Amino acid sequence: MEHAPWMQRCLQLAAHGAGHAAPNPMVGAVLVRGDRILAEGWHHAHGGPHAEVECLNAFGDAAIPADAVLYVSLEPCSHTGLTPPCADMLIARGVRTVVVGCSDPDPRVAGNGIRRLRDAGIAVIADVLRDHCRWQNRRFITSVEQQRPYIILKWARSSDGFLDQHPRRERGVQRISSFASDVLVHRWRSEEQAIMVGSRTVLNDDPRLDVRHVAGRSPLRVVLDRTCIAPASSRIFDGNAPTLLFSRSLRDDVGIEQCVLEPDRDPLPAVLAELQRRQLRSILVEGGGELLGHFIRSGLWDEAREIVGEVLMLQGTRAPRMGMLPQRSFTSGSDRIHLHTRSSTPDPAWRW
């Protein structure tokens, strides 16, 4: 029996959880008999039933056929968290064969789910489309294995290589990208748990950093303002979305949550450690040249998404230079999008 097509279906189902499952991983499951799908499911939201439970609930209470195979893109959990262990549920339901996409790096699982199934006499086939399954859950896996959020850098630049134009005549965003790209960026925002800018971007652009052009939840807005120059009247402090301010001292003129940074220390490790403590698996950095450059020089990035507009600016803040060819490029409206990653990207469709 060829397993890859059914695991690919698990990945398709798991993608429905983008922007909703975190901090849990995205997982899909399919129950197959011969060449027929009996039931399928995916993990809809943190705290809700896992993909295997959704799948078998969709199948119903009838006995699982002995020759049916359950496919799942991530190793079934073997611990009690917000829900009971999925491995125990599969054993109790009498599933005879399970095909797993990749193991779960969470120390509470990390092979224990597969062992528990095998100890119960269930045949387990592991690592089917492993790289694809790990790629889909790169945010969760990076957070668990590297103890920091998955970091995505994003910027838009003019065709002649500038992030903005000098001199500035007014406070506000200088348009570079097309509306089609703006919609794409808002989808990107909806799929990450945090979004970050520096104080200079707040001062110059007065961004909202929320999700408006697509359906989805707004990420936690993170502002790095070491010198406390971001105006209190800025839209990012409007309370319309959760916001976290990092600065050298507490400010009493903004009514948002704040963290104080140690003076004369690189702020990025402290910021990332605090986001990791909050189980925020990913962050989209939409900062200006200084903040983006700091992440790049520190080697703290996993993906970079560069939007190249048609506009000419002639002078201004130079856009970052990645020094490598993009793994993928495509058009969005009148713009060109270049995507870079520090790791391999086995998914030819590059599902974000």
Protein backbone atom coordinates (compact mmCIF):
# COMPACT_ATOMS: atom_id res chain seq x y z
CA MET A 1 0.00 0.00 0.00
CA GLU A 2 1.38 3.40 -0.93
CA HIS A 3 1.31 5.65 2.12
CA ALA A 4 2.49 9.01 0.76
CA PRO A 5 -0.81 10.14 -0.84
CA TRP A 6 -2.72 9.56 2.39
CA MET A 7 -0.09 11.39 4.43
CA GLN A 8 -0.33 14.25 1.93
CA ARG A 9 -4.04 14.38 2.71
CA CYS A 10 -3.18 14.60 6.42
CA LEU A 11 -0.99 17.62 5.65
CA GLN A 12 -3.82 19.25 3.69
CA LEU A 13 -6.18 18.78 6.61
CA ALA A 14 -3.63 19.98 9.16
CA ALA A 15 -3.21 23.25 7.26
CA HIS A 16 -6.78 24.20 8.26
CA GLY A 17 -5.42 24.75 11.76
CA ALA A 18 -3.00 27.50 10.67
CA GLY A 19 -3.42 30.48 12.98
CA HIS A 20 -5.72 28.54 15.33
CA ALA A 21 -3.93 25.44 16.65
CA ALA A 22 -0.94 27.26 18.18
CA PRO A 23 0.73 26.85 20.57
CA ASN A 24 -0.13 23.25 19.66
CA PRO A 25 1.14 21.84 16.36
CA MET A 26 -1.03 21.53 13.27
CA VAL A 27 -2.05 17.89 12.79
CA GLY A 28 -4.27 16.03 10.35
CA ALA A 29 -5.57 12.44 10.49
CA VAL A 30 -7.24 10.14 7.97
CA LEU A 31 -8.79 6.69 8.51
CA VAL A 32 -8.43 4.63 5.33
CA ARG A 33 -9.65 1.20 4.25
CA GLY A 34 -8.27 0.02 0.96
CA ASP A 35 -8.62 2.97 -1.40
CA ARG A 36 -11.49 4.59 0.52
CA ILE A 37 -11.43 7.28 3.19
CA LEU A 38 -13.63 6.29 6.12
CA ALA A 39 -13.16 9.47 8.16
CA GLU A 40 -10.81 12.39 8.58
CA GLY A 41 -10.14 15.23 10.99
CA TRP A 42 -7.67 17.88 12.08
CA HIS A 43 -6.75 19.80 15.21
CA HIS A 44 -8.97 22.87 15.06
CA ALA A 45 -7.81 24.91 18.05
CA HIS A 46 -5.64 24.80 21.16
CA GLY A 47 -7.50 23.03 23.94
CA GLY A 48 -9.83 21.21 21.55
CA PRO A 49 -9.81 17.56 20.43
CA HIS A 50 -6.68 16.40 18.63
CA ALA A 51 -6.74 15.29 15.01
CA GLU A 52 -6.99 11.56 15.82
CA VAL A 53 -9.96 12.17 18.11
CA GLU A 54 -11.69 14.35 15.49
CA CYS A 55 -11.15 11.64 12.89
CA LEU A 56 -12.50 8.76 14.95
CA ASN A 57 -15.38 10.87 16.24
CA ALA A 58 -16.27 11.51 12.60
CA PHE A 59 -16.15 7.74 11.97
CA GLY A 60 -18.58 7.11 14.82
CA ASP A 61 -18.92 4.50 17.53
CA ALA A 62 -18.79 1.42 15.28
CA ALA A 63 -15.86 -0.98 15.55
CA ILE A 64 -12.82 0.05 13.52
CA PRO A 65 -12.33 -2.46 10.67
CA ALA A 66 -9.28 -4.66 11.30
CA ASP A 67 -7.80 -3.78 7.91
CA ALA A 68 -8.27 0.00 8.32
CA VAL A 69 -5.20 2.22 8.63
CA LEU A 70 -5.05 5.46 10.57
CA TYR A 71 -2.71 8.08 9.11
CA VAL A 72 -1.61 11.01 11.27
CA SER A 73 0.95 13.69 10.42
CA LEU A 74 2.45 13.88 13.95
CA GLU A 75 3.11 11.18 16.53
CA PRO A 76 0.05 10.62 18.77
CA CYS A 77 0.51 12.19 22.20
CA SER A 78 1.13 9.94 25.19
CA HIS A 79 0.59 12.38 28.05
CA THR A 80 -2.39 14.08 29.64
CA GLY A 81 -2.52 17.78 28.93
CA LEU A 82 -5.70 19.68 28.18
CA THR A 83 -6.96 16.44 26.60
CA PRO A 84 -6.32 12.74 27.34
CA PRO A 85 -3.53 10.81 25.54
CA CYS A 86 -4.40 10.08 21.91
CA ALA A 87 -2.28 6.90 21.97
CA ASP A 88 -4.52 5.43 24.66
CA MET A 89 -7.62 6.37 22.68
CA LEU A 90 -6.32 4.60 19.55
CA ILE A 91 -5.59 1.49 21.62
CA ALA A 92 -9.03 1.57 23.20
CA ARG A 93 -10.77 1.96 19.83
CA GLY A 94 -8.99 -1.10 18.44
CA VAL A 95 -7.00 0.54 15.65
CA ARG A 96 -4.64 -2.12 14.24
CA THR A 97 -2.29 -0.05 12.03
CA VAL A 98 -1.05 3.52 12.40
CA VAL A 99 1.13 5.46 9.95
CA VAL A 100 2.92 8.47 11.44
CA GLY A 101 4.41 11.39 9.54
CA CYS A 102 7.04 12.45 12.08
CA SER A 103 7.81 12.10 15.76
CA ASP A 104 6.81 14.77 18.27
CA PRO A 105 9.88 16.51 19.77
CA ASP A 106 7.94 17.50 22.91
CA PRO A 107 9.84 15.73 25.76
CA ARG A 108 6.50 14.51 27.12
CA VAL A 109 6.03 12.52 23.90
CA ALA A 110 9.32 12.13 21.92
CA GLY A 111 8.77 8.55 20.79
CA ASN A 112 6.67 7.46 23.77
CA GLY A 113 3.46 7.65 21.75
CA ILE A 114 4.82 5.29 19.10
CA ARG A 115 6.24 2.94 21.76
CA ARG A 116 2.94 2.81 23.58
CA LEU A 117 1.12 1.85 20.38
CA ARG A 118 3.66 -0.85 19.52
CA ASP A 119 3.61 -2.23 23.06
CA ALA A 120 -0.15 -2.64 22.66
CA GLY A 121 0.37 -4.71 19.50
CA ILE A 122 -0.44 -1.98 16.99
CA ALA A 123 1.64 -1.97 13.81
CA VAL A 124 3.28 1.47 13.45
CA ILE A 125 4.95 2.76 10.30
CA ALA A 126 6.89 5.95 11.05
CA ASP A 127 8.51 8.82 9.14
CA VAL A 128 6.28 8.86 6.06
CA LEU A 129 6.86 12.26 4.38
CA ARG A 130 8.84 13.14 7.51
CA ASP A 131 10.50 16.28 6.10
CA HIS A 132 7.21 17.61 4.81
CA CYS A 133 5.54 17.01 8.16
CA ARG A 134 8.36 18.71 10.07
CA TRP A 135 8.27 21.64 7.65
CA GLN A 136 4.57 22.19 8.23
CA ASN A 137 5.17 22.29 12.00
CA ARG A 138 8.45 24.21 11.81
CA ARG A 139 7.14 26.83 14.25
CA PHE A 140 6.27 24.28 16.93
CA ILE A 141 9.40 22.20 16.33
CA THR A 142 11.75 25.21 16.42
CA SER A 143 10.18 26.39 19.67
CA VAL A 144 10.60 22.97 21.29
CA GLU A 145 14.05 22.11 19.93
CA GLN A 146 15.71 25.55 20.01
CA GLN A 147 13.76 27.09 22.89
CA ARG A 148 12.85 30.23 20.96
CA PRO A 149 10.05 31.28 18.63
CA TYR A 150 10.29 30.65 14.91
CA ILE A 151 11.40 33.99 13.43
CA ILE A 152 10.07 35.33 10.13
CA LEU A 153 11.48 38.60 8.80
CA LYS A 154 9.29 40.57 6.41
CA TRP A 155 9.84 43.82 4.55
CA ALA A 156 8.71 45.66 1.44
CA ARG A 157 11.25 47.55 -0.65
CA SER A 158 11.18 49.78 -3.67
CA SER A 159 12.51 48.51 -6.98
CA ASP A 160 15.71 50.50 -6.32
CA GLY A 161 16.23 48.92 -2.90
CA PHE A 162 14.80 51.27 -0.25
CA LEU A 163 12.48 50.58 2.69
CA ASP A 164 11.31 54.20 2.83
CA GLN A 165 12.01 57.54 1.22
CA HIS A 166 13.93 60.46 2.68
CA PRO A 167 13.24 63.13 3.61
CA ARG A 168 9.96 62.20 5.33
CA ARG A 169 7.26 64.83 5.04
CA GLU A 170 4.63 63.32 7.34
CA ARG A 171 4.03 60.48 9.77
CA GLY A 172 2.47 57.44 8.12
CA VAL A 173 3.16 54.38 6.01
CA GLN A 174 4.80 55.07 2.66
CA ARG A 175 3.09 52.78 0.18
CA ILE A 176 5.37 50.36 -1.66
CA SER A 177 3.37 47.17 -2.20
CA SER A 178 0.11 46.54 -4.05
CA PHE A 179 -3.21 45.85 -2.33
CA ALA A 180 -2.88 42.18 -3.34
CA SER A 181 0.35 42.01 -1.35
CA ASP A 182 -1.28 43.82 1.58
CA VAL A 183 -3.93 41.08 1.71
CA LEU A 184 -1.18 38.45 1.60
CA VAL A 185 0.67 40.16 4.47
CA HIS A 186 -2.50 40.19 6.57
CA ARG A 187 -2.86 36.46 5.99
CA TRP A 188 0.74 36.04 7.10
CA ARG A 189 -0.05 38.04 10.23
CA SER A 190 -3.09 35.89 11.02
CA GLU A 191 -0.95 32.74 10.95
CA GLU A 192 1.67 33.92 13.46
CA GLN A 193 1.34 34.41 17.20
CA ALA A 194 3.30 37.66 17.51
CA ILE A 195 4.31 40.57 15.31
CA MET A 196 7.19 42.90 16.14
CA VAL A 197 8.43 46.37 15.23
CA GLY A 198 10.95 48.79 16.66
CA SER A 199 10.29 52.25 18.04
CA ARG A 200 11.51 54.01 14.88
CA THR A 201 8.83 52.24 12.81
CA VAL A 202 6.17 53.28 15.35
CA LEU A 203 7.43 56.85 15.28
CA ASN A 204 7.64 57.10 11.49
CA ASP A 205 4.79 54.89 10.23
CA ASP A 206 2.28 54.75 13.11
CA PRO A 207 1.23 51.18 12.07
CA ARG A 208 -1.73 49.23 13.45
CA LEU A 209 -0.12 45.78 13.07
CA ASP A 210 -3.48 44.01 13.20
CA VAL A 211 -5.42 41.76 10.82
CA ARG A 212 -8.04 43.55 8.74
CA HIS A 213 -7.99 42.32 5.13
CA VAL A 214 -8.62 38.64 5.89
CA ALA A 215 -10.56 36.65 8.47
CA GLY A 216 -8.35 35.71 11.40
CA ARG A 217 -7.12 36.79 14.78
CA SER A 218 -4.59 39.55 15.28
CA PRO A 219 -1.24 38.45 16.73
CA LEU A 220 0.30 39.87 19.88
CA ARG A 221 1.84 43.21 18.93
CA VAL A 222 5.40 43.52 20.26
CA VAL A 223 7.18 46.87 20.37
CA LEU A 224 10.90 47.19 21.09
CA ASP A 225 11.38 50.75 22.34
CA ARG A 226 14.61 50.93 24.32
CA THR A 227 14.75 54.73 24.36
CA CYS A 228 11.01 55.33 24.97
CA ILE A 229 10.50 57.44 21.84
CA ALA A 230 7.29 55.79 20.57
CA PRO A 231 4.51 58.40 21.01
CA ALA A 232 1.78 57.43 23.49
CA SER A 233 -0.81 58.48 20.90
CA SER A 234 0.38 55.79 18.46
CA ARG A 235 -2.24 53.40 17.08
CA ILE A 236 -0.25 50.42 18.31
CA PHE A 237 -1.12 51.51 21.86
CA ASP A 238 -4.86 51.80 21.13
CA GLY A 239 -5.87 48.62 23.00
CA ASN A 240 -7.57 47.11 19.93
CA ALA A 241 -5.20 44.12 19.99
CA PRO A 242 -2.97 42.62 22.69
CA THR A 243 0.29 44.57 22.86
CA LEU A 244 3.56 44.05 24.75
CA LEU A 245 6.10 46.86 25.12
CA PHE A 246 9.79 46.27 25.82
CA SER A 247 11.63 49.38 27.03
CA ARG A 248 14.33 50.49 29.47
CA SER A 249 11.78 51.75 32.01
CA LEU A 250 8.06 51.47 32.72
CA ARG A 251 5.91 54.08 31.02
CA ASP A 252 2.82 55.43 32.74
CA ASP A 253 1.45 57.11 29.60
CA VAL A 254 0.46 53.87 27.81
CA GLY A 255 -2.04 51.37 29.14
CA ILE A 256 -0.49 48.16 27.88
CA GLU A 257 1.58 45.32 29.28
CA GLN A 258 5.27 46.16 29.62
CA CYS A 259 8.62 44.44 30.21
CA VAL A 260 11.72 46.31 31.34
CA LEU A 261 14.98 45.54 29.54
CA GLU A 262 18.38 45.50 31.18
CA PRO A 263 20.42 48.55 30.08
CA ASP A 264 23.45 48.04 27.83
CA ARG A 265 22.42 44.47 26.95
CA ASP A 266 21.39 43.09 23.58
CA PRO A 267 17.57 43.12 23.87
CA LEU A 268 16.80 40.32 21.43
CA PRO A 269 17.64 37.36 23.71
CA ALA A 270 15.46 38.85 26.47
CA VAL A 271 12.57 39.50 24.08
CA LEU A 272 12.71 36.01 22.58
CA ALA A 273 13.01 34.40 26.01
CA GLU A 274 9.89 36.21 27.20
CA LEU A 275 7.92 35.19 24.11
CA GLN A 276 9.09 31.59 24.54
CA ARG A 277 8.01 31.70 28.19
CA ARG A 278 4.54 32.68 26.97
CA GLN A 279 4.52 29.71 24.53
CA LEU A 280 4.44 32.01 21.51
CA ARG A 281 5.77 29.69 18.83
CA SER A 282 6.37 32.25 16.08
CA ILE A 283 7.01 35.93 15.49
CA LEU A 284 6.72 38.02 12.33
CA VAL A 285 9.25 40.87 12.41
CA GLU A 286 8.01 43.84 10.36
CA GLY A 287 10.55 46.30 11.70
CA GLY A 288 12.62 48.87 9.87
CA GLY A 289 16.18 48.55 8.65
CA GLU A 290 17.80 48.76 12.09
CA LEU A 291 15.69 46.03 13.71
CA LEU A 292 15.78 43.72 10.68
CA GLY A 293 19.52 44.19 10.42
CA HIS A 294 19.96 43.34 14.10
CA PHE A 295 18.12 40.03 13.65
CA ILE A 296 20.11 39.19 10.52
CA ARG A 297 23.50 40.05 12.05
CA SER A 298 22.62 38.01 15.14
CA GLY A 299 21.70 35.00 13.00
CA LEU A 300 18.24 35.04 14.59
CA TRP A 301 15.95 34.31 11.69
CA ASP A 302 14.38 31.30 10.00
CA GLU A 303 12.55 32.82 7.02
CA ALA A 304 12.72 36.13 5.20
CA ARG A 305 9.88 37.37 3.00
CA GLU A 306 10.77 40.29 0.75
CA ILE A 307 8.16 42.22 -1.25
CA VAL A 308 9.56 44.21 -4.16
CA GLY A 309 7.27 46.96 -5.42
CA GLU A 310 7.43 48.91 -8.67
CA VAL A 311 7.88 52.30 -7.00
CA LEU A 312 11.20 54.20 -7.19
CA MET A 313 12.38 56.06 -4.08
CA LEU A 314 15.88 57.21 -5.13
CA GLN A 315 17.06 57.73 -1.55
CA GLY A 316 16.13 56.52 1.91
CA THR A 317 16.74 53.57 4.22
CA ARG A 318 18.44 50.71 2.44
CA ALA A 319 16.65 47.36 2.53
CA PRO A 320 18.44 44.32 3.99
CA ARG A 321 20.50 42.21 1.62
CA MET A 322 20.28 38.48 2.26
CA GLY A 323 23.33 37.52 0.22
CA MET A 324 21.67 34.44 -1.22
CA LEU A 325 19.25 33.50 -3.95
CA PRO A 326 15.63 33.15 -2.81
CA GLN A 327 14.28 29.63 -2.56
CA ARG A 328 11.13 30.76 -4.30
CA SER A 329 9.77 33.85 -6.02
CA PHE A 330 6.30 34.67 -7.27
CA THR A 331 4.18 37.65 -8.25
CA SER A 332 1.49 39.29 -6.11
CA GLY A 333 -0.41 41.96 -7.96
CA SER A 334 2.27 44.20 -9.44
CA ASP A 335 4.88 43.08 -6.87
CA ARG A 336 7.51 40.39 -6.78
CA ILE A 337 7.80 38.26 -3.62
CA HIS A 338 11.13 36.64 -2.73
CA LEU A 339 11.14 33.94 -0.04
CA HIS A 340 14.30 32.87 1.77
CA THR A 341 14.76 30.16 4.39
CA ARG A 342 17.75 28.96 6.37
CA SER A 343 16.61 25.35 6.13
CA SER A 344 15.43 23.11 3.32
CA THR A 345 11.87 23.60 2.10
CA PRO A 346 10.63 20.23 0.86
CA ASP A 347 7.08 21.46 0.32
CA PRO A 348 6.98 22.59 -3.35
CA ALA A 349 3.88 24.68 -2.65
CA TRP A 350 5.63 26.46 0.26
CA ARG A 351 2.67 26.41 2.60
CA TRP A 352 3.36 29.20 5.10
